[in-house]
């Protein structure tokens, strides 16, 4: 067994990999085939479904279910009660199983705010930020700030989380960015 913490009220199925330093709190369930990186934190009542891949340093707040087909790269933040889907046309009578799930990827550093929904089959770019309550229905560019229903881009955010002004220079950490066709790119 690795050097991670699982609260006594939580269940971790067989055939699960959990990295050192990860903490799984009250009433959570990690299902078979899931892989969780190092130094992650899972709040109360989190479900990690079969075969889900989660990178290092991720923080998943209370009441989040990460369904099969969803992948979190490193340092992804999932706010309280945010929602993932994995099937665009679900029917109780006609289940599709894992072969019918749409892949959803949250790239390094992405943040999804409380009560937001990420409709399956999309990618959220590196360091993008989804506002609380937003509904993501399309791919999100790196560093994009998205809000609304459906979510629309309303600005850009720095890697540190600060909202950028038109100069694309962060007033907090002094990073400089350049806008490209595919989102922001940090100038080195």
N, C-alpha and C. Protein backbone atom coordinates (compact mmCIF):
# COMPACT_ATOMS: atom_id res chain seq x y z
N UNK A 1 0.85 -1.19 0.00
CA UNK A 1 0.00 0.00 0.00
C UNK A 1 0.89 1.25 0.00
N UNK A 2 0.53 2.22 -0.81
CA UNK A 2 1.30 3.46 -0.91
C UNK A 2 1.12 4.36 0.30
N UNK A 3 1.74 5.50 0.24
CA UNK A 3 1.67 6.47 1.32
C UNK A 3 0.61 7.51 0.99
N UNK A 4 -0.64 7.11 1.06
CA UNK A 4 -1.78 7.99 0.81
C UNK A 4 -2.80 7.76 1.92
N UNK A 5 -3.79 8.65 2.01
CA UNK A 5 -4.80 8.57 3.07
C UNK A 5 -6.18 8.33 2.47
N UNK A 6 -6.89 7.36 3.04
CA UNK A 6 -8.29 7.11 2.67
C UNK A 6 -9.09 7.10 3.96
N UNK A 7 -10.06 8.00 4.06
CA UNK A 7 -10.91 8.06 5.26
C UNK A 7 -11.66 6.74 5.42
N UNK A 8 -11.90 6.34 6.66
CA UNK A 8 -12.53 5.05 6.95
C UNK A 8 -13.93 4.90 6.36
N UNK A 9 -14.60 6.00 6.03
CA UNK A 9 -15.95 5.91 5.44
C UNK A 9 -15.91 5.79 3.92
N UNK A 10 -14.74 5.86 3.33
CA UNK A 10 -14.61 5.78 1.88
C UNK A 10 -14.30 4.36 1.43
N UNK A 11 -14.60 4.09 0.16
CA UNK A 11 -14.38 2.76 -0.43
C UNK A 11 -13.42 2.91 -1.61
N UNK A 12 -12.39 2.08 -1.62
CA UNK A 12 -11.48 1.99 -2.75
C UNK A 12 -11.53 0.55 -3.24
N UNK A 13 -12.02 0.36 -4.47
CA UNK A 13 -12.13 -0.97 -5.05
C UNK A 13 -10.74 -1.55 -5.34
N UNK A 14 -10.72 -2.84 -5.69
CA UNK A 14 -9.49 -3.49 -6.12
C UNK A 14 -9.06 -2.92 -7.47
N UNK A 15 -7.79 -3.14 -7.81
CA UNK A 15 -7.24 -2.72 -9.10
C UNK A 15 -7.29 -1.21 -9.28
N UNK A 16 -6.87 -0.47 -8.25
CA UNK A 16 -6.81 0.99 -8.28
C UNK A 16 -5.38 1.40 -7.96
N UNK A 17 -4.89 2.43 -8.65
CA UNK A 17 -3.57 2.98 -8.36
C UNK A 17 -3.76 4.38 -7.76
N UNK A 18 -3.14 4.62 -6.60
CA UNK A 18 -3.22 5.92 -5.93
C UNK A 18 -1.81 6.37 -5.58
N UNK A 19 -1.45 7.58 -5.99
CA UNK A 19 -0.11 8.10 -5.75
C UNK A 19 0.11 8.56 -4.33
N UNK A 20 1.37 8.62 -3.95
CA UNK A 20 1.77 9.07 -2.62
C UNK A 20 1.26 10.49 -2.36
N UNK A 21 0.88 10.73 -1.10
CA UNK A 21 0.46 12.05 -0.67
C UNK A 21 -0.98 12.40 -1.00
N UNK A 22 -1.70 11.53 -1.69
CA UNK A 22 -3.10 11.79 -2.04
C UNK A 22 -3.98 11.55 -0.82
N UNK A 23 -5.04 12.37 -0.70
CA UNK A 23 -5.98 12.26 0.41
C UNK A 23 -7.39 12.11 -0.14
N UNK A 24 -8.09 11.09 0.34
CA UNK A 24 -9.48 10.81 -0.08
C UNK A 24 -10.32 10.90 1.18
N UNK A 25 -11.20 11.89 1.23
CA UNK A 25 -11.95 12.18 2.45
C UNK A 25 -13.28 11.44 2.52
N UNK A 26 -14.15 11.84 3.40
CA UNK A 26 -15.37 11.14 3.80
C UNK A 26 -16.28 10.72 2.64
N UNK A 27 -16.82 9.52 2.73
CA UNK A 27 -17.92 9.02 1.89
C UNK A 27 -17.62 9.04 0.39
N UNK A 28 -16.36 8.85 0.04
CA UNK A 28 -15.97 8.83 -1.37
C UNK A 28 -15.83 7.39 -1.85
N UNK A 29 -15.82 7.23 -3.19
CA UNK A 29 -15.69 5.90 -3.79
C UNK A 29 -14.76 5.99 -5.00
N UNK A 30 -13.72 5.18 -5.01
CA UNK A 30 -12.81 5.08 -6.15
C UNK A 30 -13.00 3.69 -6.74
N UNK A 31 -13.42 3.64 -8.01
CA UNK A 31 -13.80 2.37 -8.62
C UNK A 31 -12.65 1.71 -9.38
N UNK A 32 -12.82 0.45 -9.66
CA UNK A 32 -11.80 -0.40 -10.28
C UNK A 32 -11.24 0.21 -11.56
N UNK A 33 -9.92 0.11 -11.69
CA UNK A 33 -9.25 0.58 -12.89
C UNK A 33 -8.86 2.05 -12.84
N UNK A 34 -9.30 2.78 -11.82
CA UNK A 34 -8.96 4.20 -11.71
C UNK A 34 -7.48 4.36 -11.38
N UNK A 35 -6.88 5.43 -11.92
CA UNK A 35 -5.49 5.77 -11.62
C UNK A 35 -5.44 7.22 -11.17
N UNK A 36 -4.94 7.44 -9.97
CA UNK A 36 -4.88 8.76 -9.36
C UNK A 36 -3.42 9.08 -9.05
N UNK A 37 -2.98 10.26 -9.43
CA UNK A 37 -1.60 10.67 -9.23
C UNK A 37 -1.27 11.02 -7.80
N UNK A 38 -0.10 11.62 -7.63
CA UNK A 38 0.40 12.01 -6.32
C UNK A 38 -0.18 13.35 -5.87
N UNK A 39 -0.27 13.52 -4.55
CA UNK A 39 -0.63 14.79 -3.91
C UNK A 39 -1.95 15.37 -4.39
N UNK A 40 -2.93 14.50 -4.62
CA UNK A 40 -4.28 14.94 -4.97
C UNK A 40 -5.12 15.02 -3.70
N UNK A 41 -6.22 15.76 -3.78
CA UNK A 41 -7.15 15.86 -2.67
C UNK A 41 -8.57 15.69 -3.19
N UNK A 42 -9.31 14.78 -2.56
CA UNK A 42 -10.69 14.50 -2.93
C UNK A 42 -11.57 14.78 -1.72
N UNK A 43 -12.49 15.72 -1.86
CA UNK A 43 -13.36 16.10 -0.77
C UNK A 43 -14.41 15.05 -0.46
N UNK A 44 -15.37 15.44 0.33
CA UNK A 44 -16.44 14.54 0.75
C UNK A 44 -17.34 14.19 -0.42
N UNK A 45 -17.77 12.92 -0.47
CA UNK A 45 -18.76 12.45 -1.43
C UNK A 45 -18.30 12.57 -2.88
N UNK A 46 -17.06 12.20 -3.15
CA UNK A 46 -16.52 12.21 -4.51
C UNK A 46 -16.57 10.79 -5.05
N UNK A 47 -16.98 10.64 -6.31
CA UNK A 47 -16.96 9.35 -6.99
C UNK A 47 -15.98 9.42 -8.16
N UNK A 48 -15.03 8.50 -8.19
CA UNK A 48 -14.11 8.35 -9.31
C UNK A 48 -14.47 7.03 -9.97
N UNK A 49 -15.04 7.09 -11.17
CA UNK A 49 -15.56 5.89 -11.83
C UNK A 49 -14.46 5.01 -12.41
N UNK A 50 -14.88 3.87 -12.92
CA UNK A 50 -13.98 2.89 -13.52
C UNK A 50 -13.10 3.52 -14.58
N UNK A 51 -11.82 3.16 -14.54
CA UNK A 51 -10.85 3.48 -15.60
C UNK A 51 -10.57 4.97 -15.78
N UNK A 52 -10.94 5.81 -14.84
CA UNK A 52 -10.65 7.25 -14.91
C UNK A 52 -9.18 7.49 -14.62
N UNK A 53 -8.58 8.41 -15.36
CA UNK A 53 -7.17 8.78 -15.16
C UNK A 53 -7.11 10.19 -14.61
N UNK A 54 -6.40 10.36 -13.49
CA UNK A 54 -6.25 11.66 -12.84
C UNK A 54 -4.76 11.89 -12.58
N UNK A 55 -4.26 13.06 -12.98
CA UNK A 55 -2.85 13.39 -12.84
C UNK A 55 -2.46 13.77 -11.42
N UNK A 56 -1.30 14.38 -11.29
CA UNK A 56 -0.76 14.80 -10.00
C UNK A 56 -1.31 16.16 -9.59
N UNK A 57 -1.44 16.37 -8.28
CA UNK A 57 -1.77 17.67 -7.73
C UNK A 57 -3.19 18.15 -8.01
N UNK A 58 -4.10 17.26 -8.36
CA UNK A 58 -5.49 17.67 -8.64
C UNK A 58 -6.26 17.85 -7.33
N UNK A 59 -7.21 18.78 -7.36
CA UNK A 59 -8.09 19.02 -6.21
C UNK A 59 -9.52 18.89 -6.68
N UNK A 60 -10.25 17.93 -6.10
CA UNK A 60 -11.63 17.67 -6.45
C UNK A 60 -12.45 17.94 -5.20
N UNK A 61 -13.29 18.96 -5.25
CA UNK A 61 -14.06 19.38 -4.09
C UNK A 61 -15.28 18.48 -3.88
N UNK A 62 -16.05 18.75 -2.83
CA UNK A 62 -17.18 17.91 -2.43
C UNK A 62 -18.21 17.72 -3.54
N UNK A 63 -18.81 16.53 -3.55
CA UNK A 63 -19.97 16.20 -4.39
C UNK A 63 -19.67 16.22 -5.89
N UNK A 64 -18.51 15.73 -6.30
CA UNK A 64 -18.16 15.66 -7.72
C UNK A 64 -18.03 14.19 -8.11
N UNK A 65 -18.64 13.84 -9.26
CA UNK A 65 -18.50 12.51 -9.84
C UNK A 65 -17.70 12.63 -11.12
N UNK A 66 -16.61 11.90 -11.18
CA UNK A 66 -15.75 11.90 -12.38
C UNK A 66 -16.02 10.58 -13.09
N UNK A 67 -16.82 10.68 -14.17
CA UNK A 67 -17.29 9.49 -14.85
C UNK A 67 -16.28 8.93 -15.84
N UNK A 68 -16.44 7.65 -16.16
CA UNK A 68 -15.58 7.01 -17.15
C UNK A 68 -15.62 7.81 -18.45
N UNK A 69 -14.45 8.02 -19.04
CA UNK A 69 -14.34 8.85 -20.23
C UNK A 69 -13.75 10.21 -19.94
N UNK A 70 -13.72 10.59 -18.65
CA UNK A 70 -13.15 11.88 -18.25
C UNK A 70 -11.70 11.67 -17.81
N UNK A 71 -10.83 12.57 -18.25
CA UNK A 71 -9.42 12.52 -17.85
C UNK A 71 -9.01 13.88 -17.33
N UNK A 72 -8.35 13.90 -16.18
CA UNK A 72 -7.80 15.12 -15.61
C UNK A 72 -6.28 15.04 -15.67
N UNK A 73 -5.65 16.01 -16.33
CA UNK A 73 -4.19 16.07 -16.31
C UNK A 73 -3.75 16.68 -14.98
N UNK A 74 -2.50 17.09 -14.85
CA UNK A 74 -1.97 17.59 -13.58
C UNK A 74 -2.60 18.93 -13.18
N UNK A 75 -2.75 19.13 -11.87
CA UNK A 75 -3.16 20.39 -11.23
C UNK A 75 -4.53 20.90 -11.68
N UNK A 76 -5.42 20.01 -12.01
CA UNK A 76 -6.79 20.40 -12.35
C UNK A 76 -7.57 20.62 -11.06
N UNK A 77 -8.42 21.66 -11.05
CA UNK A 77 -9.28 21.97 -9.90
C UNK A 77 -10.74 21.80 -10.33
N UNK A 78 -11.47 20.97 -9.58
CA UNK A 78 -12.91 20.77 -9.81
C UNK A 78 -13.66 21.31 -8.61
N UNK A 79 -14.41 22.39 -8.80
CA UNK A 79 -15.12 23.05 -7.72
C UNK A 79 -16.29 22.23 -7.19
N UNK A 80 -16.81 22.62 -6.02
CA UNK A 80 -17.88 21.86 -5.37
C UNK A 80 -19.09 21.67 -6.27
N UNK A 81 -19.57 20.45 -6.32
CA UNK A 81 -20.81 20.07 -7.03
C UNK A 81 -20.79 20.36 -8.52
N UNK A 82 -19.60 20.52 -9.12
CA UNK A 82 -19.56 20.65 -10.58
C UNK A 82 -19.89 19.28 -11.17
N UNK A 83 -20.30 19.27 -12.46
CA UNK A 83 -20.82 18.05 -13.07
C UNK A 83 -20.09 17.73 -14.37
N UNK A 84 -19.71 16.46 -14.51
CA UNK A 84 -19.24 15.93 -15.78
C UNK A 84 -20.33 15.04 -16.36
N UNK A 85 -20.41 14.97 -17.69
CA UNK A 85 -21.26 13.97 -18.34
C UNK A 85 -20.36 13.08 -19.18
N UNK A 86 -20.89 11.93 -19.63
CA UNK A 86 -20.08 11.09 -20.51
C UNK A 86 -20.90 10.48 -21.65
N UNK A 87 -22.16 10.89 -21.79
CA UNK A 87 -23.03 10.34 -22.83
C UNK A 87 -23.94 11.47 -23.32
N UNK A 88 -23.88 11.77 -24.62
CA UNK A 88 -24.69 12.87 -25.16
C UNK A 88 -26.16 12.51 -25.33
N UNK A 89 -26.46 11.23 -25.45
CA UNK A 89 -27.85 10.79 -25.68
C UNK A 89 -28.20 9.62 -24.77
N UNK A 90 -28.18 9.83 -23.46
CA UNK A 90 -28.41 8.72 -22.54
C UNK A 90 -29.87 8.23 -22.54
N UNK A 91 -30.04 6.93 -22.45
CA UNK A 91 -31.34 6.31 -22.27
C UNK A 91 -31.18 5.18 -21.26
N UNK A 92 -32.06 5.15 -20.26
CA UNK A 92 -32.00 4.09 -19.27
C UNK A 92 -32.24 2.73 -19.91
N UNK A 93 -33.13 2.68 -20.89
CA UNK A 93 -33.48 1.41 -21.54
C UNK A 93 -32.40 0.92 -22.49
N UNK A 94 -31.57 1.85 -23.03
CA UNK A 94 -30.57 1.49 -24.03
C UNK A 94 -29.17 1.94 -23.61
N UNK A 95 -28.62 1.35 -22.55
CA UNK A 95 -27.28 1.77 -22.11
C UNK A 95 -26.23 1.43 -23.16
N UNK A 96 -25.27 2.31 -23.32
CA UNK A 96 -24.23 2.12 -24.33
C UNK A 96 -22.98 1.47 -23.75
N UNK A 97 -22.76 1.61 -22.46
CA UNK A 97 -21.53 1.10 -21.86
C UNK A 97 -20.35 1.96 -22.25
N UNK A 98 -19.17 1.56 -21.80
CA UNK A 98 -17.99 2.40 -21.97
C UNK A 98 -17.65 2.67 -23.43
N UNK A 99 -18.02 1.80 -24.35
CA UNK A 99 -17.73 2.03 -25.77
C UNK A 99 -18.47 3.25 -26.31
N UNK A 100 -19.57 3.63 -25.69
CA UNK A 100 -20.36 4.76 -26.15
C UNK A 100 -20.06 6.08 -25.45
N UNK A 101 -19.15 6.06 -24.47
CA UNK A 101 -18.84 7.28 -23.73
C UNK A 101 -17.98 8.22 -24.58
N UNK A 102 -18.24 9.51 -24.47
CA UNK A 102 -17.45 10.53 -25.16
C UNK A 102 -16.30 10.95 -24.25
N UNK A 103 -15.12 11.08 -24.81
CA UNK A 103 -13.93 11.46 -24.04
C UNK A 103 -13.93 12.95 -23.74
N UNK A 104 -13.61 13.28 -22.52
CA UNK A 104 -13.48 14.67 -22.06
C UNK A 104 -12.13 14.80 -21.38
N UNK A 105 -11.35 15.80 -21.78
CA UNK A 105 -10.01 15.99 -21.19
C UNK A 105 -9.90 17.40 -20.64
N UNK A 106 -9.48 17.49 -19.38
CA UNK A 106 -9.13 18.77 -18.77
C UNK A 106 -7.61 18.81 -18.70
N UNK A 107 -7.03 19.73 -19.44
CA UNK A 107 -5.57 19.80 -19.54
C UNK A 107 -4.97 20.49 -18.31
N UNK A 108 -3.68 20.41 -18.19
CA UNK A 108 -2.94 20.87 -17.02
C UNK A 108 -3.41 22.25 -16.53
N UNK A 109 -3.71 22.31 -15.24
CA UNK A 109 -4.02 23.57 -14.59
C UNK A 109 -5.43 24.09 -14.80
N UNK A 110 -6.27 23.39 -15.55
CA UNK A 110 -7.64 23.86 -15.79
C UNK A 110 -8.42 23.92 -14.49
N UNK A 111 -9.35 24.89 -14.40
CA UNK A 111 -10.21 25.06 -13.23
C UNK A 111 -11.66 25.08 -13.69
N UNK A 112 -12.51 24.33 -12.97
CA UNK A 112 -13.95 24.35 -13.22
C UNK A 112 -14.61 24.78 -11.92
N UNK A 113 -15.38 25.88 -11.97
CA UNK A 113 -15.99 26.44 -10.78
C UNK A 113 -17.17 25.64 -10.25
N UNK A 114 -17.62 26.02 -9.06
CA UNK A 114 -18.73 25.35 -8.39
C UNK A 114 -19.98 25.32 -9.26
N UNK A 115 -20.66 24.19 -9.25
CA UNK A 115 -21.93 24.00 -9.95
C UNK A 115 -21.87 24.18 -11.46
N UNK A 116 -20.68 24.22 -12.04
CA UNK A 116 -20.56 24.26 -13.50
C UNK A 116 -20.79 22.86 -14.06
N UNK A 117 -21.12 22.80 -15.35
CA UNK A 117 -21.32 21.52 -16.03
C UNK A 117 -20.41 21.47 -17.25
N UNK A 118 -19.74 20.34 -17.43
CA UNK A 118 -18.91 20.12 -18.61
C UNK A 118 -19.57 19.01 -19.42
N UNK A 119 -20.17 19.39 -20.56
CA UNK A 119 -20.80 18.41 -21.44
C UNK A 119 -19.69 17.60 -22.10
N UNK A 120 -19.89 16.31 -22.20
CA UNK A 120 -18.83 15.41 -22.64
C UNK A 120 -18.42 15.63 -24.10
N UNK A 121 -17.22 15.12 -24.40
CA UNK A 121 -16.70 15.19 -25.76
C UNK A 121 -15.89 16.43 -26.05
N UNK A 122 -15.53 17.17 -25.01
CA UNK A 122 -14.79 18.43 -25.21
C UNK A 122 -13.49 18.42 -24.45
N UNK A 123 -12.61 19.35 -24.83
CA UNK A 123 -11.35 19.54 -24.13
C UNK A 123 -11.33 20.94 -23.52
N UNK A 124 -10.81 21.02 -22.31
CA UNK A 124 -10.62 22.31 -21.65
C UNK A 124 -9.11 22.52 -21.60
N UNK A 125 -8.65 23.61 -22.24
CA UNK A 125 -7.23 23.87 -22.41
C UNK A 125 -6.50 24.16 -21.12
N UNK A 126 -5.17 24.12 -21.22
CA UNK A 126 -4.31 24.39 -20.08
C UNK A 126 -4.65 25.74 -19.45
N UNK A 127 -4.73 25.75 -18.13
CA UNK A 127 -4.90 26.95 -17.31
C UNK A 127 -6.18 27.73 -17.64
N UNK A 128 -7.12 27.12 -18.37
CA UNK A 128 -8.42 27.77 -18.61
C UNK A 128 -9.20 27.81 -17.30
N UNK A 129 -10.16 28.72 -17.23
CA UNK A 129 -10.98 28.84 -16.03
C UNK A 129 -12.45 28.92 -16.44
N UNK A 130 -13.24 28.00 -15.87
CA UNK A 130 -14.67 27.95 -16.12
C UNK A 130 -15.37 28.53 -14.89
N UNK A 131 -16.17 29.58 -15.10
CA UNK A 131 -16.83 30.26 -13.98
C UNK A 131 -17.88 29.36 -13.32
N UNK A 132 -18.17 29.65 -12.08
CA UNK A 132 -19.20 28.93 -11.35
C UNK A 132 -20.52 28.99 -12.11
N UNK A 133 -21.19 27.86 -12.22
CA UNK A 133 -22.50 27.79 -12.86
C UNK A 133 -22.50 27.75 -14.38
N UNK A 134 -21.34 27.86 -15.01
CA UNK A 134 -21.26 27.85 -16.47
C UNK A 134 -21.55 26.44 -17.01
N UNK A 135 -21.97 26.38 -18.28
CA UNK A 135 -22.20 25.11 -18.95
C UNK A 135 -21.32 25.06 -20.20
N UNK A 136 -20.29 24.21 -20.17
CA UNK A 136 -19.35 24.10 -21.27
C UNK A 136 -19.92 23.16 -22.33
N UNK A 137 -20.11 23.68 -23.56
CA UNK A 137 -20.69 22.91 -24.65
C UNK A 137 -19.76 22.82 -25.86
N UNK A 138 -18.52 23.31 -25.72
CA UNK A 138 -17.55 23.26 -26.82
C UNK A 138 -16.15 23.26 -26.22
N UNK A 139 -15.15 23.02 -27.08
CA UNK A 139 -13.77 23.06 -26.62
C UNK A 139 -13.42 24.44 -26.09
N UNK A 140 -12.52 24.47 -25.11
CA UNK A 140 -12.10 25.71 -24.47
C UNK A 140 -10.60 25.89 -24.71
N UNK A 141 -10.22 27.08 -25.19
CA UNK A 141 -8.81 27.37 -25.48
C UNK A 141 -8.00 27.51 -24.20
N UNK A 142 -6.69 27.25 -24.29
CA UNK A 142 -5.82 27.47 -23.13
C UNK A 142 -5.94 28.92 -22.61
N UNK A 143 -6.04 29.07 -21.30
CA UNK A 143 -6.10 30.36 -20.59
C UNK A 143 -7.42 31.11 -20.79
N UNK A 144 -8.39 30.52 -21.47
CA UNK A 144 -9.67 31.21 -21.68
C UNK A 144 -10.46 31.28 -20.38
N UNK A 145 -11.14 32.40 -20.17
CA UNK A 145 -12.07 32.58 -19.07
C UNK A 145 -13.47 32.44 -19.65
N UNK A 146 -14.21 31.44 -19.19
CA UNK A 146 -15.51 31.11 -19.75
C UNK A 146 -16.60 31.30 -18.70
N UNK A 147 -17.74 31.85 -19.11
CA UNK A 147 -18.86 32.05 -18.19
C UNK A 147 -20.17 31.97 -18.96
N UNK A 148 -21.24 31.65 -18.25
CA UNK A 148 -22.58 31.70 -18.84
C UNK A 148 -23.12 30.34 -19.26
N UNK A 149 -24.36 30.40 -19.77
CA UNK A 149 -25.07 29.21 -20.23
C UNK A 149 -25.63 29.50 -21.62
N UNK A 150 -25.09 28.91 -22.69
CA UNK A 150 -23.86 28.12 -22.67
C UNK A 150 -22.65 29.01 -22.43
N UNK A 151 -21.55 28.40 -22.01
CA UNK A 151 -20.35 29.17 -21.67
C UNK A 151 -19.77 29.85 -22.91
N UNK A 152 -19.42 31.12 -22.73
CA UNK A 152 -18.76 31.91 -23.78
C UNK A 152 -17.50 32.52 -23.18
N UNK A 153 -16.52 32.74 -24.03
CA UNK A 153 -15.28 33.34 -23.54
C UNK A 153 -15.51 34.82 -23.24
N UNK A 154 -15.13 35.20 -22.01
CA UNK A 154 -15.28 36.60 -21.60
C UNK A 154 -13.94 37.25 -21.29
N UNK A 155 -12.85 36.51 -21.47
CA UNK A 155 -11.53 37.07 -21.21
C UNK A 155 -10.48 35.99 -21.17
N UNK A 156 -9.32 36.37 -20.59
CA UNK A 156 -8.18 35.47 -20.46
C UNK A 156 -7.71 35.47 -19.02
N UNK A 157 -7.10 34.35 -18.60
CA UNK A 157 -6.54 34.26 -17.25
C UNK A 157 -5.10 33.78 -17.31
N UNK A 158 -4.33 34.25 -16.36
CA UNK A 158 -2.93 33.87 -16.21
C UNK A 158 -2.84 32.47 -15.59
N UNK A 159 -1.70 31.86 -15.69
CA UNK A 159 -1.45 30.59 -15.03
C UNK A 159 -1.72 30.70 -13.53
N UNK A 160 -1.43 31.85 -12.93
CA UNK A 160 -1.64 32.03 -11.49
C UNK A 160 -3.11 32.25 -11.13
N UNK A 161 -3.98 32.43 -12.15
CA UNK A 161 -5.41 32.61 -11.90
C UNK A 161 -5.90 34.03 -12.03
N UNK A 162 -5.01 34.99 -12.14
CA UNK A 162 -5.38 36.41 -12.26
C UNK A 162 -6.02 36.66 -13.63
N UNK A 163 -7.09 37.45 -13.65
CA UNK A 163 -7.71 37.84 -14.91
C UNK A 163 -6.81 38.87 -15.58
N UNK A 164 -6.55 38.65 -16.87
CA UNK A 164 -5.63 39.52 -17.61
C UNK A 164 -6.38 40.67 -18.27
N UNK A 165 -5.71 41.83 -18.34
CA UNK A 165 -6.28 42.96 -19.08
C UNK A 165 -5.81 42.88 -20.53
N UNK A 166 -6.09 43.91 -21.31
CA UNK A 166 -5.77 43.90 -22.74
C UNK A 166 -4.29 43.79 -23.05
N UNK A 167 -3.43 44.12 -22.09
CA UNK A 167 -1.98 44.03 -22.35
C UNK A 167 -1.49 42.57 -22.31
N UNK A 168 -2.30 41.69 -21.75
CA UNK A 168 -1.96 40.28 -21.57
C UNK A 168 -0.72 40.09 -20.71
N UNK A 169 -0.46 41.07 -19.82
CA UNK A 169 0.60 40.96 -18.81
C UNK A 169 -0.08 40.86 -17.45
N UNK A 170 0.34 39.85 -16.68
CA UNK A 170 -0.27 39.63 -15.38
C UNK A 170 0.22 40.66 -14.38
N UNK A 171 -0.71 41.32 -13.72
CA UNK A 171 -0.36 42.32 -12.72
C UNK A 171 0.08 41.68 -11.40
N UNK A 172 -0.17 40.40 -11.25
CA UNK A 172 0.17 39.72 -10.00
C UNK A 172 1.54 39.03 -10.07
N UNK A 173 1.80 38.29 -11.16
CA UNK A 173 3.05 37.52 -11.22
C UNK A 173 3.97 37.95 -12.38
N UNK A 174 3.53 38.93 -13.15
CA UNK A 174 4.33 39.52 -14.25
C UNK A 174 4.57 38.62 -15.45
N UNK A 175 3.82 37.52 -15.57
CA UNK A 175 3.94 36.73 -16.80
C UNK A 175 3.37 37.53 -17.96
N UNK A 176 3.97 37.35 -19.14
CA UNK A 176 3.50 37.99 -20.37
C UNK A 176 2.98 36.92 -21.31
N UNK A 177 1.90 37.23 -22.00
CA UNK A 177 1.29 36.28 -22.92
C UNK A 177 1.11 36.91 -24.29
N UNK A 178 0.99 36.03 -25.27
CA UNK A 178 0.68 36.44 -26.63
C UNK A 178 -0.52 35.62 -27.08
N UNK A 179 -1.48 36.28 -27.73
CA UNK A 179 -2.65 35.58 -28.23
C UNK A 179 -2.32 34.88 -29.54
N UNK A 180 -2.69 33.60 -29.63
CA UNK A 180 -2.51 32.82 -30.86
C UNK A 180 -3.87 32.30 -31.28
N UNK A 181 -3.90 31.64 -32.41
CA UNK A 181 -5.14 31.04 -32.90
C UNK A 181 -5.67 29.99 -31.93
N UNK A 182 -4.77 29.36 -31.19
CA UNK A 182 -5.15 28.26 -30.29
C UNK A 182 -5.22 28.68 -28.82
N UNK A 183 -5.25 29.97 -28.53
CA UNK A 183 -5.30 30.44 -27.14
C UNK A 183 -4.09 31.26 -26.82
N UNK A 184 -3.83 31.46 -25.53
CA UNK A 184 -2.66 32.24 -25.12
C UNK A 184 -1.43 31.36 -25.02
N UNK A 185 -0.30 31.97 -25.27
CA UNK A 185 0.99 31.31 -25.12
C UNK A 185 1.87 32.26 -24.32
N UNK A 186 2.53 31.73 -23.30
CA UNK A 186 3.40 32.56 -22.47
C UNK A 186 4.65 32.94 -23.25
N UNK A 187 5.02 34.23 -23.17
CA UNK A 187 6.27 34.69 -23.76
C UNK A 187 7.37 34.46 -22.76
N UNK A 188 8.43 33.84 -23.20
CA UNK A 188 9.56 33.51 -22.30
C UNK A 188 10.63 34.55 -22.40
